[in-house]
Amino acid sequence: MSSKLFFFTLLMFIGTLFVIHNSAYGMQEDQTHISYNEELGAFVGIPETEAGVDSLLNIGTEMRERNSRISFEAATMALNYARKIGYRQGEAKAYNLAGNKYSDFGDYNTALEYYLS
């Protein structure tokens, strides 16, 4: 699969997850447009809200086995947002997901630090 097709498919998948997730929170589809910016290596258009953190965590979990880089970026972005807004449940889940990614990368000391945070 070409990288352009992969990223197009990935963006469609992420967009679908976000719309489904936002529907559960009663948000309108047209309130937010998210995408993954390859140049920045980050997601853009995700609100700094509990729903935004949860969406990032869902993306990170879904992509864990498919694309470690994107999964890790979603986890770290979720952690930053959760800390910023004081969303402790999201922060705990983000630490866990980031710890899983560090473990996947073979960095067990850092993984343990994240698990214990």
PDB file of N, CA and C in Angstrom:
ATOM      1  N   MET A   1       0.854  -1.169   0.000  1.00  0.00           N
ATOM      2  CA  MET A   1       0.000   0.000   0.000  1.00  0.00           C
ATOM      3  C   MET A   1       0.900   1.231   0.000  1.00  0.00           C
ATOM      4  N   SER A   2       0.623   2.178  -0.865  1.00  0.00           N
ATOM      5  CA  SER A   2       1.444   3.384  -0.936  1.00  0.00           C
ATOM      6  C   SER A   2       1.215   4.228   0.317  1.00  0.00           C
ATOM      7  N   SER A   3       2.183   5.071   0.635  1.00  0.00           N
ATOM      8  CA  SER A   3       2.072   5.884   1.847  1.00  0.00           C
ATOM      9  C   SER A   3       0.929   6.894   1.733  1.00  0.00           C
ATOM     10  N   LYS A   4       0.677   7.425   0.531  1.00  0.00           N
ATOM     11  CA  LYS A   4      -0.427   8.374   0.369  1.00  0.00           C
ATOM     12  C   LYS A   4      -1.772   7.695   0.623  1.00  0.00           C
ATOM     13  N   LEU A   5      -1.934   6.482   0.089  1.00  0.00           N
ATOM     14  CA  LEU A   5      -3.162   5.747   0.306  1.00  0.00           C
ATOM     15  C   LEU A   5      -3.314   5.385   1.776  1.00  0.00           C
ATOM     16  N   PHE A   6      -2.210   4.991   2.407  1.00  0.00           N
ATOM     17  CA  PHE A   6      -2.253   4.647   3.823  1.00  0.00           C
ATOM     18  C   PHE A   6      -2.715   5.838   4.649  1.00  0.00           C
ATOM     19  N   PHE A   7      -2.108   7.022   4.419  1.00  0.00           N
ATOM     20  CA  PHE A   7      -2.466   8.185   5.217  1.00  0.00           C
ATOM     21  C   PHE A   7      -3.869   8.676   4.906  1.00  0.00           C
ATOM     22  N   PHE A   8      -4.320   8.543   3.660  1.00  0.00           N
ATOM     23  CA  PHE A   8      -5.700   8.886   3.349  1.00  0.00           C
ATOM     24  C   PHE A   8      -6.649   7.963   4.108  1.00  0.00           C
ATOM     25  N   THR A   9      -6.369   6.675   4.092  1.00  0.00           N
ATOM     26  CA  THR A   9      -7.185   5.705   4.816  1.00  0.00           C
ATOM     27  C   THR A   9      -7.147   5.993   6.309  1.00  0.00           C
ATOM     28  N   LEU A  10      -5.972   6.306   6.822  1.00  0.00           N
ATOM     29  CA  LEU A  10      -5.822   6.633   8.234  1.00  0.00           C
ATOM     30  C   LEU A  10      -6.657   7.853   8.606  1.00  0.00           C
ATOM     31  N   LEU A  11      -6.598   8.896   7.799  1.00  0.00           N
ATOM     32  CA  LEU A  11      -7.370  10.095   8.098  1.00  0.00           C
ATOM     33  C   LEU A  11      -8.872   9.823   8.056  1.00  0.00           C
ATOM     34  N   MET A  12      -9.298   9.016   7.104  1.00  0.00           N
ATOM     35  CA  MET A  12     -10.718   8.658   7.040  1.00  0.00           C
ATOM     36  C   MET A  12     -11.124   7.887   8.295  1.00  0.00           C
ATOM     37  N   PHE A  13     -10.268   6.967   8.725  1.00  0.00           N
ATOM     38  CA  PHE A  13     -10.535   6.171   9.927  1.00  0.00           C
ATOM     39  C   PHE A  13     -10.602   7.069  11.160  1.00  0.00           C
ATOM     40  N   ILE A  14      -9.631   7.981  11.295  1.00  0.00           N
ATOM     41  CA  ILE A  14      -9.592   8.883  12.439  1.00  0.00           C
ATOM     42  C   ILE A  14     -10.819   9.790  12.441  1.00  0.00           C
ATOM     43  N   GLY A  15     -11.158  10.315  11.282  1.00  0.00           N
ATOM     44  CA  GLY A  15     -12.341  11.165  11.184  1.00  0.00           C
ATOM     45  C   GLY A  15     -13.605  10.435  11.586  1.00  0.00           C
ATOM     46  N   THR A  16     -13.720   9.186  11.157  1.00  0.00           N
ATOM     47  CA  THR A  16     -14.885   8.382  11.520  1.00  0.00           C
ATOM     48  C   THR A  16     -14.937   8.153  13.025  1.00  0.00           C
ATOM     49  N   LEU A  17     -13.792   7.810  13.624  1.00  0.00           N
ATOM     50  CA  LEU A  17     -13.745   7.617  15.075  1.00  0.00           C
ATOM     51  C   LEU A  17     -14.170   8.883  15.801  1.00  0.00           C
ATOM     52  N   PHE A  18     -13.669  10.019  15.339  1.00  0.00           N
ATOM     53  CA  PHE A  18     -13.973  11.270  16.001  1.00  0.00           C
ATOM     54  C   PHE A  18     -15.457  11.606  15.899  1.00  0.00           C
ATOM     55  N   VAL A  19     -16.043  11.408  14.733  1.00  0.00           N
ATOM     56  CA  VAL A  19     -17.467  11.689  14.555  1.00  0.00           C
ATOM     57  C   VAL A  19     -18.301  10.776  15.446  1.00  0.00           C
ATOM     58  N   ILE A  20     -17.951   9.500  15.483  1.00  0.00           N
ATOM     59  CA  ILE A  20     -18.689   8.554  16.340  1.00  0.00           C
ATOM     60  C   ILE A  20     -18.551   8.961  17.794  1.00  0.00           C
ATOM     61  N   HIS A  21     -17.328   9.284  18.196  1.00  0.00           N
ATOM     62  CA  HIS A  21     -17.082   9.665  19.584  1.00  0.00           C
ATOM     63  C   HIS A  21     -17.837  10.940  19.938  1.00  0.00           C
ATOM     64  N   ASN A  22     -17.801  11.928  19.055  1.00  0.00           N
ATOM     65  CA  ASN A  22     -18.482  13.185  19.328  1.00  0.00           C
ATOM     66  C   ASN A  22     -19.992  13.008  19.367  1.00  0.00           C
ATOM     67  N   SER A  23     -20.507  12.080  18.586  1.00  0.00           N
ATOM     68  CA  SER A  23     -21.945  11.813  18.613  1.00  0.00           C
ATOM     69  C   SER A  23     -22.377  11.335  19.986  1.00  0.00           C
ATOM     70  N   ALA A  24     -21.529  10.555  20.623  1.00  0.00           N
ATOM     71  CA  ALA A  24     -21.840  10.051  21.962  1.00  0.00           C
ATOM     72  C   ALA A  24     -21.886  11.183  22.979  1.00  0.00           C
ATOM     73  N   TYR A  25     -21.150  12.268  22.729  1.00  0.00           N
ATOM     74  CA  TYR A  25     -21.123  13.411  23.632  1.00  0.00           C
ATOM     75  C   TYR A  25     -22.098  14.504  23.208  1.00  0.00           C
ATOM     76  N   GLY A  26     -22.891  14.249  22.184  1.00  0.00           N
ATOM     77  CA  GLY A  26     -23.885  15.212  21.739  1.00  0.00           C
ATOM     78  C   GLY A  26     -23.319  16.384  20.962  1.00  0.00           C
ATOM     79  N   MET A  27     -22.118  16.254  20.425  1.00  0.00           N
ATOM     80  CA  MET A  27     -21.509  17.335  19.653  1.00  0.00           C
ATOM     81  C   MET A  27     -21.940  17.210  18.198  1.00  0.00           C
ATOM     82  N   GLN A  28     -21.949  18.313  17.510  1.00  0.00           N
ATOM     83  CA  GLN A  28     -22.297  18.313  16.098  1.00  0.00           C
ATOM     84  C   GLN A  28     -21.072  17.942  15.273  1.00  0.00           C
ATOM     85  N   GLU A  29     -21.292  17.230  14.183  1.00  0.00           N
ATOM     86  CA  GLU A  29     -20.201  16.807  13.311  1.00  0.00           C
ATOM     87  C   GLU A  29     -19.385  17.980  12.792  1.00  0.00           C
ATOM     88  N   ASP A  30     -20.050  19.086  12.471  1.00  0.00           N
ATOM     89  CA  ASP A  30     -19.341  20.179  11.828  1.00  0.00           C
ATOM     90  C   ASP A  30     -18.617  21.092  12.808  1.00  0.00           C
ATOM     91  N   GLN A  31     -18.626  20.790  14.102  1.00  0.00           N
ATOM     92  CA  GLN A  31     -17.942  21.624  15.071  1.00  0.00           C
ATOM     93  C   GLN A  31     -16.430  21.492  14.978  1.00  0.00           C
ATOM     94  N   THR A  32     -15.941  20.353  14.601  1.00  0.00           N
ATOM     95  CA  THR A  32     -14.506  20.112  14.617  1.00  0.00           C
ATOM     96  C   THR A  32     -14.100  19.293  13.407  1.00  0.00           C
ATOM     97  N   HIS A  33     -12.984  19.692  12.828  1.00  0.00           N
ATOM     98  CA  HIS A  33     -12.389  18.916  11.749  1.00  0.00           C
ATOM     99  C   HIS A  33     -10.987  18.538  12.204  1.00  0.00           C
ATOM    100  N   ILE A  34     -10.702  17.261  12.275  1.00  0.00           N
ATOM    101  CA  ILE A  34      -9.373  16.848  12.696  1.00  0.00           C
ATOM    102  C   ILE A  34      -8.623  16.250  11.521  1.00  0.00           C
ATOM    103  N   SER A  35      -7.328  16.381  11.593  1.00  0.00           N
ATOM    104  CA  SER A  35      -6.481  15.766  10.586  1.00  0.00           C
ATOM    105  C   SER A  35      -5.115  15.526  11.206  1.00  0.00           C
ATOM    106  N   TYR A  36      -4.333  14.747  10.513  1.00  0.00           N
ATOM    107  CA  TYR A  36      -2.974  14.472  10.943  1.00  0.00           C
ATOM    108  C   TYR A  36      -2.029  15.197   9.995  1.00  0.00           C
ATOM    109  N   ASN A  37      -1.225  16.083  10.528  1.00  0.00           N
ATOM    110  CA  ASN A  37      -0.276  16.855   9.728  1.00  0.00           C
ATOM    111  C   ASN A  37       1.070  16.143   9.769  1.00  0.00           C
ATOM    112  N   GLU A  38       1.459  15.546   8.648  1.00  0.00           N
ATOM    113  CA  GLU A  38       2.720  14.794   8.590  1.00  0.00           C
ATOM    114  C   GLU A  38       3.925  15.681   8.831  1.00  0.00           C
ATOM    115  N   GLU A  39       3.906  16.906   8.317  1.00  0.00           N
ATOM    116  CA  GLU A  39       5.043  17.805   8.491  1.00  0.00           C
ATOM    117  C   GLU A  39       5.256  18.161   9.955  1.00  0.00           C
ATOM    118  N   LEU A  40       4.161  18.410  10.668  1.00  0.00           N
ATOM    119  CA  LEU A  40       4.254  18.724  12.092  1.00  0.00           C
ATOM    120  C   LEU A  40       4.397  17.464  12.939  1.00  0.00           C
ATOM    121  N   GLY A  41       3.965  16.336  12.378  1.00  0.00           N
ATOM    122  CA  GLY A  41       3.950  15.099  13.155  1.00  0.00           C
ATOM    123  C   GLY A  41       2.960  15.179  14.296  1.00  0.00           C
ATOM    124  N   ALA A  42       1.813  15.818  14.019  1.00  0.00           N
ATOM    125  CA  ALA A  42       0.826  16.018  15.076  1.00  0.00           C
ATOM    126  C   ALA A  42      -0.582  16.084  14.485  1.00  0.00           C
ATOM    127  N   PHE A  43      -1.536  15.840  15.352  1.00  0.00           N
ATOM    128  CA  PHE A  43      -2.937  15.997  14.985  1.00  0.00           C
ATOM    129  C   PHE A  43      -3.291  17.469  15.105  1.00  0.00           C
ATOM    130  N   VAL A  44      -4.139  17.939  14.228  1.00  0.00           N
ATOM    131  CA  VAL A  44      -4.605  19.323  14.290  1.00  0.00           C
ATOM    132  C   VAL A  44      -6.127  19.320  14.288  1.00  0.00           C
ATOM    133  N   GLY A  45      -6.684  20.304  14.939  1.00  0.00           N
ATOM    134  CA  GLY A  45      -8.134  20.447  14.961  1.00  0.00           C
ATOM    135  C   GLY A  45      -8.816  19.698  16.087  1.00  0.00           C
ATOM    136  N   ILE A  46      -8.059  19.153  17.018  1.00  0.00           N
ATOM    137  CA  ILE A  46      -8.665  18.445  18.143  1.00  0.00           C
ATOM    138  C   ILE A  46      -8.803  19.433  19.297  1.00  0.00           C
ATOM    139  N   PRO A  47     -10.012  19.591  19.803  1.00  0.00           N
ATOM    140  CA  PRO A  47     -10.210  20.574  20.872  1.00  0.00           C
ATOM    141  C   PRO A  47      -9.539  20.126  22.174  1.00  0.00           C
ATOM    142  N   GLU A  48      -9.119  21.097  22.953  1.00  0.00           N
ATOM    143  CA  GLU A  48      -8.514  20.810  24.254  1.00  0.00           C
ATOM    144  C   GLU A  48      -9.625  20.650  25.285  1.00  0.00           C
ATOM    145  N   THR A  49     -10.366  19.560  25.116  1.00  0.00           N
ATOM    146  CA  THR A  49     -11.495  19.237  25.987  1.00  0.00           C
ATOM    147  C   THR A  49     -11.390  17.775  26.385  1.00  0.00           C
ATOM    148  N   GLU A  50     -12.235  17.357  27.322  1.00  0.00           N
ATOM    149  CA  GLU A  50     -12.263  15.946  27.695  1.00  0.00           C
ATOM    150  C   GLU A  50     -12.591  15.073  26.488  1.00  0.00           C
ATOM    151  N   ALA A  51     -13.532  15.517  25.659  1.00  0.00           N
ATOM    152  CA  ALA A  51     -13.890  14.750  24.458  1.00  0.00           C
ATOM    153  C   ALA A  51     -12.702  14.665  23.504  1.00  0.00           C
ATOM    154  N   GLY A  52     -11.941  15.748  23.378  1.00  0.00           N
ATOM    155  CA  GLY A  52     -10.750  15.738  22.531  1.00  0.00           C
ATOM    156  C   GLY A  52      -9.699  14.766  23.046  1.00  0.00           C
ATOM    157  N   VAL A  53      -9.485  14.773  24.367  1.00  0.00           N
ATOM    158  CA  VAL A  53      -8.532  13.834  24.980  1.00  0.00           C
ATOM    159  C   VAL A  53      -8.986  12.401  24.732  1.00  0.00           C
ATOM    160  N   ASP A  54     -10.271  12.135  24.973  1.00  0.00           N
ATOM    161  CA  ASP A  54     -10.795  10.787  24.764  1.00  0.00           C
ATOM    162  C   ASP A  54     -10.656  10.349  23.310  1.00  0.00           C
ATOM    163  N   SER A  55     -10.875  11.272  22.387  1.00  0.00           N
ATOM    164  CA  SER A  55     -10.714  10.937  20.965  1.00  0.00           C
ATOM    165  C   SER A  55      -9.269  10.582  20.653  1.00  0.00           C
ATOM    166  N   LEU A  56      -8.323  11.354  21.173  1.00  0.00           N
ATOM    167  CA  LEU A  56      -6.907  11.044  20.972  1.00  0.00           C
ATOM    168  C   LEU A  56      -6.554   9.679  21.556  1.00  0.00           C
ATOM    169  N   LEU A  57      -7.095   9.382  22.724  1.00  0.00           N
ATOM    170  CA  LEU A  57      -6.830   8.083  23.342  1.00  0.00           C
ATOM    171  C   LEU A  57      -7.411   6.946  22.501  1.00  0.00           C
ATOM    172  N   ASN A  58      -8.594   7.155  21.946  1.00  0.00           N
ATOM    173  CA  ASN A  58      -9.191   6.145  21.069  1.00  0.00           C
ATOM    174  C   ASN A  58      -8.326   5.932  19.830  1.00  0.00           C
ATOM    175  N   ILE A  59      -7.860   7.026  19.251  1.00  0.00           N
ATOM    176  CA  ILE A  59      -6.989   6.931  18.069  1.00  0.00           C
ATOM    177  C   ILE A  59      -5.709   6.198  18.429  1.00  0.00           C
ATOM    178  N   GLY A  60      -5.091   6.581  19.542  1.00  0.00           N
ATOM    179  CA  GLY A  60      -3.854   5.945  19.979  1.00  0.00           C
ATOM    180  C   GLY A  60      -4.010   4.463  20.225  1.00  0.00           C
ATOM    181  N   THR A  61      -5.125   4.089  20.818  1.00  0.00           N
ATOM    182  CA  THR A  61      -5.384   2.673  21.086  1.00  0.00           C
ATOM    183  C   THR A  61      -5.611   1.907  19.791  1.00  0.00           C
ATOM    184  N   GLU A  62      -6.411   2.486  18.898  1.00  0.00           N
ATOM    185  CA  GLU A  62      -6.683   1.825  17.616  1.00  0.00           C
ATOM    186  C   GLU A  62      -5.424   1.662  16.772  1.00  0.00           C
ATOM    187  N   MET A  63      -4.528   2.637  16.843  1.00  0.00           N
ATOM    188  CA  MET A  63      -3.337   2.619  15.994  1.00  0.00           C
ATOM    189  C   MET A  63      -2.151   1.911  16.648  1.00  0.00           C
ATOM    190  N   ARG A  64      -2.316   1.429  17.856  1.00  0.00           N
ATOM    191  CA  ARG A  64      -1.190   0.850  18.603  1.00  0.00           C
ATOM    192  C   ARG A  64      -0.469  -0.235  17.820  1.00  0.00           C
ATOM    193  N   GLU A  65      -1.191  -1.140  17.216  1.00  0.00           N
ATOM    194  CA  GLU A  65      -0.575  -2.248  16.479  1.00  0.00           C
ATOM    195  C   GLU A  65      -0.307  -1.897  15.008  1.00  0.00           C
ATOM    196  N   ARG A  66      -0.935  -0.834  14.517  1.00  0.00           N
ATOM    197  CA  ARG A  66      -0.823  -0.483  13.098  1.00  0.00           C
ATOM    198  C   ARG A  66       0.281   0.522  12.798  1.00  0.00           C
ATOM    199  N   ASN A  67       0.411   1.527  13.682  1.00  0.00           N
ATOM    200  CA  ASN A  67       1.384   2.589  13.430  1.00  0.00           C
ATOM    201  C   ASN A  67       1.839   3.143  14.777  1.00  0.00           C
ATOM    202  N   SER A  68       2.984   2.677  15.246  1.00  0.00           N
ATOM    203  CA  SER A  68       3.481   3.046  16.573  1.00  0.00           C
ATOM    204  C   SER A  68       3.713   4.539  16.707  1.00  0.00           C
ATOM    205  N   ARG A  69       4.219   5.175  15.659  1.00  0.00           N
ATOM    206  CA  ARG A  69       4.509   6.608  15.730  1.00  0.00           C
ATOM    207  C   ARG A  69       3.233   7.414  15.963  1.00  0.00           C
ATOM    208  N   ILE A  70       2.197   7.118  15.190  1.00  0.00           N
ATOM    209  CA  ILE A  70       0.944   7.851  15.334  1.00  0.00           C
ATOM    210  C   ILE A  70       0.294   7.545  16.676  1.00  0.00           C
ATOM    211  N   SER A  71       0.357   6.298  17.101  1.00  0.00           N
ATOM    212  CA  SER A  71      -0.193   5.930  18.398  1.00  0.00           C
ATOM    213  C   SER A  71       0.507   6.687  19.522  1.00  0.00           C
ATOM    214  N   PHE A  72       1.827   6.760  19.450  1.00  0.00           N
ATOM    215  CA  PHE A  72       2.603   7.470  20.469  1.00  0.00           C
ATOM    216  C   PHE A  72       2.293   8.965  20.452  1.00  0.00           C
ATOM    217  N   GLU A  73       2.190   9.543  19.275  1.00  0.00           N
ATOM    218  CA  GLU A  73       1.877  10.969  19.173  1.00  0.00           C
ATOM    219  C   GLU A  73       0.491  11.268  19.737  1.00  0.00           C
ATOM    220  N   ALA A  74      -0.467  10.395  19.478  1.00  0.00           N
ATOM    221  CA  ALA A  74      -1.808  10.580  20.035  1.00  0.00           C
ATOM    222  C   ALA A  74      -1.767  10.499  21.556  1.00  0.00           C
ATOM    223  N   ALA A  75      -0.996   9.553  22.094  1.00  0.00           N
ATOM    224  CA  ALA A  75      -0.886   9.401  23.549  1.00  0.00           C
ATOM    225  C   ALA A  75      -0.255  10.625  24.193  1.00  0.00           C
ATOM    226  N   THR A  76       0.830  11.129  23.615  1.00  0.00           N
ATOM    227  CA  THR A  76       1.501  12.280  24.220  1.00  0.00           C
ATOM    228  C   THR A  76       0.670  13.556  24.089  1.00  0.00           C
ATOM    229  N   MET A  77      -0.034  13.699  22.978  1.00  0.00           N
ATOM    230  CA  MET A  77      -0.900  14.870  22.817  1.00  0.00           C
ATOM    231  C   MET A  77      -2.071  14.793  23.809  1.00  0.00           C
ATOM    232  N   ALA A  78      -2.633  13.603  23.977  1.00  0.00           N
ATOM    233  CA  ALA A  78      -3.714  13.414  24.950  1.00  0.00           C
ATOM    234  C   ALA A  78      -3.221  13.740  26.359  1.00  0.00           C
ATOM    235  N   LEU A  79      -2.017  13.308  26.679  1.00  0.00           N
ATOM    236  CA  LEU A  79      -1.449  13.586  28.002  1.00  0.00           C
ATOM    237  C   LEU A  79      -1.284  15.096  28.213  1.00  0.00           C
ATOM    238  N   ASN A  80      -0.757  15.781  27.230  1.00  0.00           N
ATOM    239  CA  ASN A  80      -0.580  17.236  27.341  1.00  0.00           C
ATOM    240  C   ASN A  80      -1.912  17.947  27.528  1.00  0.00           C
ATOM    241  N   TYR A  81      -2.913  17.576  26.730  1.00  0.00           N
ATOM    242  CA  TYR A  81      -4.236  18.200  26.850  1.00  0.00           C
ATOM    243  C   TYR A  81      -4.858  17.888  28.206  1.00  0.00           C
ATOM    244  N   ALA A  82      -4.789  16.627  28.617  1.00  0.00           N
ATOM    245  CA  ALA A  82      -5.405  16.222  29.882  1.00  0.00           C
ATOM    246  C   ALA A  82      -4.779  16.977  31.058  1.00  0.00           C
ATOM    247  N   ARG A  83      -3.466  17.123  31.055  1.00  0.00           N
ATOM    248  CA  ARG A  83      -2.794  17.896  32.121  1.00  0.00           C
ATOM    249  C   ARG A  83      -3.273  19.345  32.098  1.00  0.00           C
ATOM    250  N   LYS A  84      -3.342  19.912  30.909  1.00  0.00           N
ATOM    251  CA  LYS A  84      -3.692  21.325  30.754  1.00  0.00           C
ATOM    252  C   LYS A  84      -5.084  21.634  31.280  1.00  0.00           C
ATOM    253  N   ILE A  85      -6.033  20.719  31.035  1.00  0.00           N
ATOM    254  CA  ILE A  85      -7.419  20.988  31.443  1.00  0.00           C
ATOM    255  C   ILE A  85      -7.789  20.333  32.773  1.00  0.00           C
ATOM    256  N   GLY A  86      -6.844  19.614  33.374  1.00  0.00           N
ATOM    257  CA  GLY A  86      -7.114  18.982  34.669  1.00  0.00           C
ATOM    258  C   GLY A  86      -8.015  17.761  34.587  1.00  0.00           C
ATOM    259  N   TYR A  87      -7.959  17.069  33.504  1.00  0.00           N
ATOM    260  CA  TYR A  87      -8.788  15.873  33.281  1.00  0.00           C
ATOM    261  C   TYR A  87      -7.996  14.649  33.753  1.00  0.00           C
ATOM    262  N   ARG A  88      -8.151  14.319  35.026  1.00  0.00           N
ATOM    263  CA  ARG A  88      -7.333  13.292  35.659  1.00  0.00           C
ATOM    264  C   ARG A  88      -7.541  11.896  35.059  1.00  0.00           C
ATOM    265  N   GLN A  89      -8.768  11.528  34.744  1.00  0.00           N
ATOM    266  CA  GLN A  89      -9.018  10.214  34.149  1.00  0.00           C
ATOM    267  C   GLN A  89      -8.310  10.102  32.809  1.00  0.00           C
ATOM    268  N   GLY A  90      -8.397  11.144  31.993  1.00  0.00           N
ATOM    269  CA  GLY A  90      -7.715  11.153  30.705  1.00  0.00           C
ATOM    270  C   GLY A  90      -6.206  11.129  30.869  1.00  0.00           C
ATOM    271  N   GLU A  91      -5.715  11.824  31.885  1.00  0.00           N
ATOM    272  CA  GLU A  91      -4.279  11.845  32.159  1.00  0.00           C
ATOM    273  C   GLU A  91      -3.786  10.438  32.519  1.00  0.00           C
ATOM    274  N   ALA A  92      -4.544   9.752  33.371  1.00  0.00           N
ATOM    275  CA  ALA A  92      -4.156   8.386  33.763  1.00  0.00           C
ATOM    276  C   ALA A  92      -4.146   7.449  32.559  1.00  0.00           C
ATOM    277  N   LYS A  93      -5.164   7.539  31.723  1.00  0.00           N
ATOM    278  CA  LYS A  93      -5.229   6.682  30.540  1.00  0.00           C
ATOM    279  C   LYS A  93      -4.103   7.016  29.557  1.00  0.00           C
ATOM    280  N   ALA A  94      -3.778   8.300  29.426  1.00  0.00           N
ATOM    281  CA  ALA A  94      -2.706   8.714  28.520  1.00  0.00           C
ATOM    282  C   ALA A  94      -1.351   8.228  29.026  1.00  0.00           C
ATOM    283  N   TYR A  95      -1.120   8.317  30.340  1.00  0.00           N
ATOM    284  CA  TYR A  95       0.122   7.776  30.893  1.00  0.00           C
ATOM    285  C   TYR A  95       0.241   6.285  30.590  1.00  0.00           C
ATOM    286  N   ASN A  96      -0.860   5.560  30.731  1.00  0.00           N
ATOM    287  CA  ASN A  96      -0.858   4.122  30.472  1.00  0.00           C
ATOM    288  C   ASN A  96      -0.550   3.826  29.008  1.00  0.00           C
ATOM    289  N   LEU A  97      -1.216   4.536  28.097  1.00  0.00           N
ATOM    290  CA  LEU A  97      -0.988   4.311  26.675  1.00  0.00           C
ATOM    291  C   LEU A  97       0.445   4.681  26.286  1.00  0.00           C
ATOM    292  N   ALA A  98       0.944   5.803  26.787  1.00  0.00           N
ATOM    293  CA  ALA A  98       2.330   6.196  26.495  1.00  0.00           C
ATOM    294  C   ALA A  98       3.296   5.168  27.077  1.00  0.00           C
ATOM    295  N   GLY A  99       3.001   4.653  28.273  1.00  0.00           N
ATOM    296  CA  GLY A  99       3.831   3.601  28.862  1.00  0.00           C
ATOM    297  C   GLY A  99       3.855   2.360  27.996  1.00  0.00           C
ATOM    298  N   ASN A 100       2.702   2.005  27.453  1.00  0.00           N
ATOM    299  CA  ASN A 100       2.639   0.854  26.538  1.00  0.00           C
ATOM    300  C   ASN A 100       3.518   1.075  25.322  1.00  0.00           C
ATOM    301  N   LYS A 101       3.482   2.296  24.794  1.00  0.00           N
ATOM    302  CA  LYS A 101       4.297   2.579  23.611  1.00  0.00           C
ATOM    303  C   LYS A 101       5.789   2.530  23.948  1.00  0.00           C
ATOM    304  N   TYR A 102       6.192   3.091  25.083  1.00  0.00           N
ATOM    305  CA  TYR A 102       7.605   3.008  25.470  1.00  0.00           C
ATOM    306  C   TYR A 102       8.022   1.552  25.641  1.00  0.00           C
ATOM    307  N   SER A 103       7.133   0.742  26.195  1.00  0.00           N
ATOM    308  CA  SER A 103       7.422  -0.686  26.331  1.00  0.00           C
ATOM    309  C   SER A 103       7.572  -1.338  24.958  1.00  0.00           C
ATOM    310  N   ASP A 104       6.677  -0.987  24.033  1.00  0.00           N
ATOM    311  CA  ASP A 104       6.767  -1.510  22.666  1.00  0.00           C
ATOM    312  C   ASP A 104       8.093  -1.120  22.014  1.00  0.00           C
ATOM    313  N   PHE A 105       8.583   0.088  22.352  1.00  0.00           N
ATOM    314  CA  PHE A 105       9.846   0.568  21.786  1.00  0.00           C
ATOM    315  C   PHE A 105      11.061  -0.039  22.485  1.00  0.00           C
ATOM    316  N   GLY A 106      10.820  -0.798  23.576  1.00  0.00           N
ATOM    317  CA  GLY A 106      11.924  -1.428  24.310  1.00  0.00           C
ATOM    318  C   GLY A 106      12.524  -0.543  25.384  1.00  0.00           C
ATOM    319  N   ASP A 107      11.932   0.610  25.655  1.00  0.00           N
ATOM    320  CA  ASP A 107      12.416   1.522  26.693  1.00  0.00           C
ATOM    321  C   ASP A 107      11.639   1.239  27.983  1.00  0.00           C
ATOM    322  N   TYR A 108      12.031   0.165  28.667  1.00  0.00           N
ATOM    323  CA  TYR A 108      11.272  -0.326  29.811  1.00  0.00           C
ATOM    324  C   TYR A 108      11.367   0.593  31.028  1.00  0.00           C
ATOM    325  N   ASN A 109      12.483   1.267  31.218  1.00  0.00           N
ATOM    326  CA  ASN A 109      12.608   2.186  32.353  1.00  0.00           C
ATOM    327  C   ASN A 109      11.632   3.348  32.221  1.00  0.00           C
ATOM    328  N   THR A 110      11.571   3.936  31.027  1.00  0.00           N
ATOM    329  CA  THR A 110      10.635   5.039  30.814  1.00  0.00           C
ATOM    330  C   THR A 110       9.187   4.528  30.881  1.00  0.00           C
ATOM    331  N   ALA A 111       8.954   3.326  30.346  1.00  0.00           N
ATOM    332  CA  ALA A 111       7.605   2.745  30.419  1.00  0.00           C
ATOM    333  C   ALA A 111       7.180   2.615  31.870  1.00  0.00           C
ATOM    334  N   LEU A 112       8.074   2.134  32.727  1.00  0.00           N
ATOM    335  CA  LEU A 112       7.755   1.977  34.144  1.00  0.00           C
ATOM    336  C   LEU A 112       7.453   3.322  34.798  1.00  0.00           C
ATOM    337  N   GLU A 113       8.226   4.346  34.431  1.00  0.00           N
ATOM    338  CA  GLU A 113       7.976   5.692  34.973  1.00  0.00           C
ATOM    339  C   GLU A 113       6.577   6.165  34.599  1.00  0.00           C
ATOM    340  N   TYR A 114       6.182   5.926  33.352  1.00  0.00           N
ATOM    341  CA  TYR A 114       4.852   6.340  32.915  1.00  0.00           C
ATOM    342  C   TYR A 114       3.757   5.524  33.607  1.00  0.00           C
ATOM    343  N   TYR A 115       3.974   4.227  33.772  1.00  0.00           N
ATOM    344  CA  TYR A 115       2.981   3.403  34.456  1.00  0.00           C
ATOM    345  C   TYR A 115       2.791   3.857  35.899  1.00  0.00           C
ATOM    346  N   LEU A 116       3.860   4.301  36.537  1.00  0.00           N
ATOM    347  CA  LEU A 116       3.782   4.691  37.943  1.00  0.00           C
ATOM    348  C   LEU A 116       3.369   6.146  38.144  1.00  0.00           C
ATOM    349  N   SER A 117       3.224   6.896  37.062  1.00  0.00           N
ATOM    350  CA  SER A 117       2.826   8.315  37.202  1.00  0.00           C
ATOM    351  C   SER A 117       1.364   8.452  37.523  1.00  0.00           C
TER     352      SER A 117
END
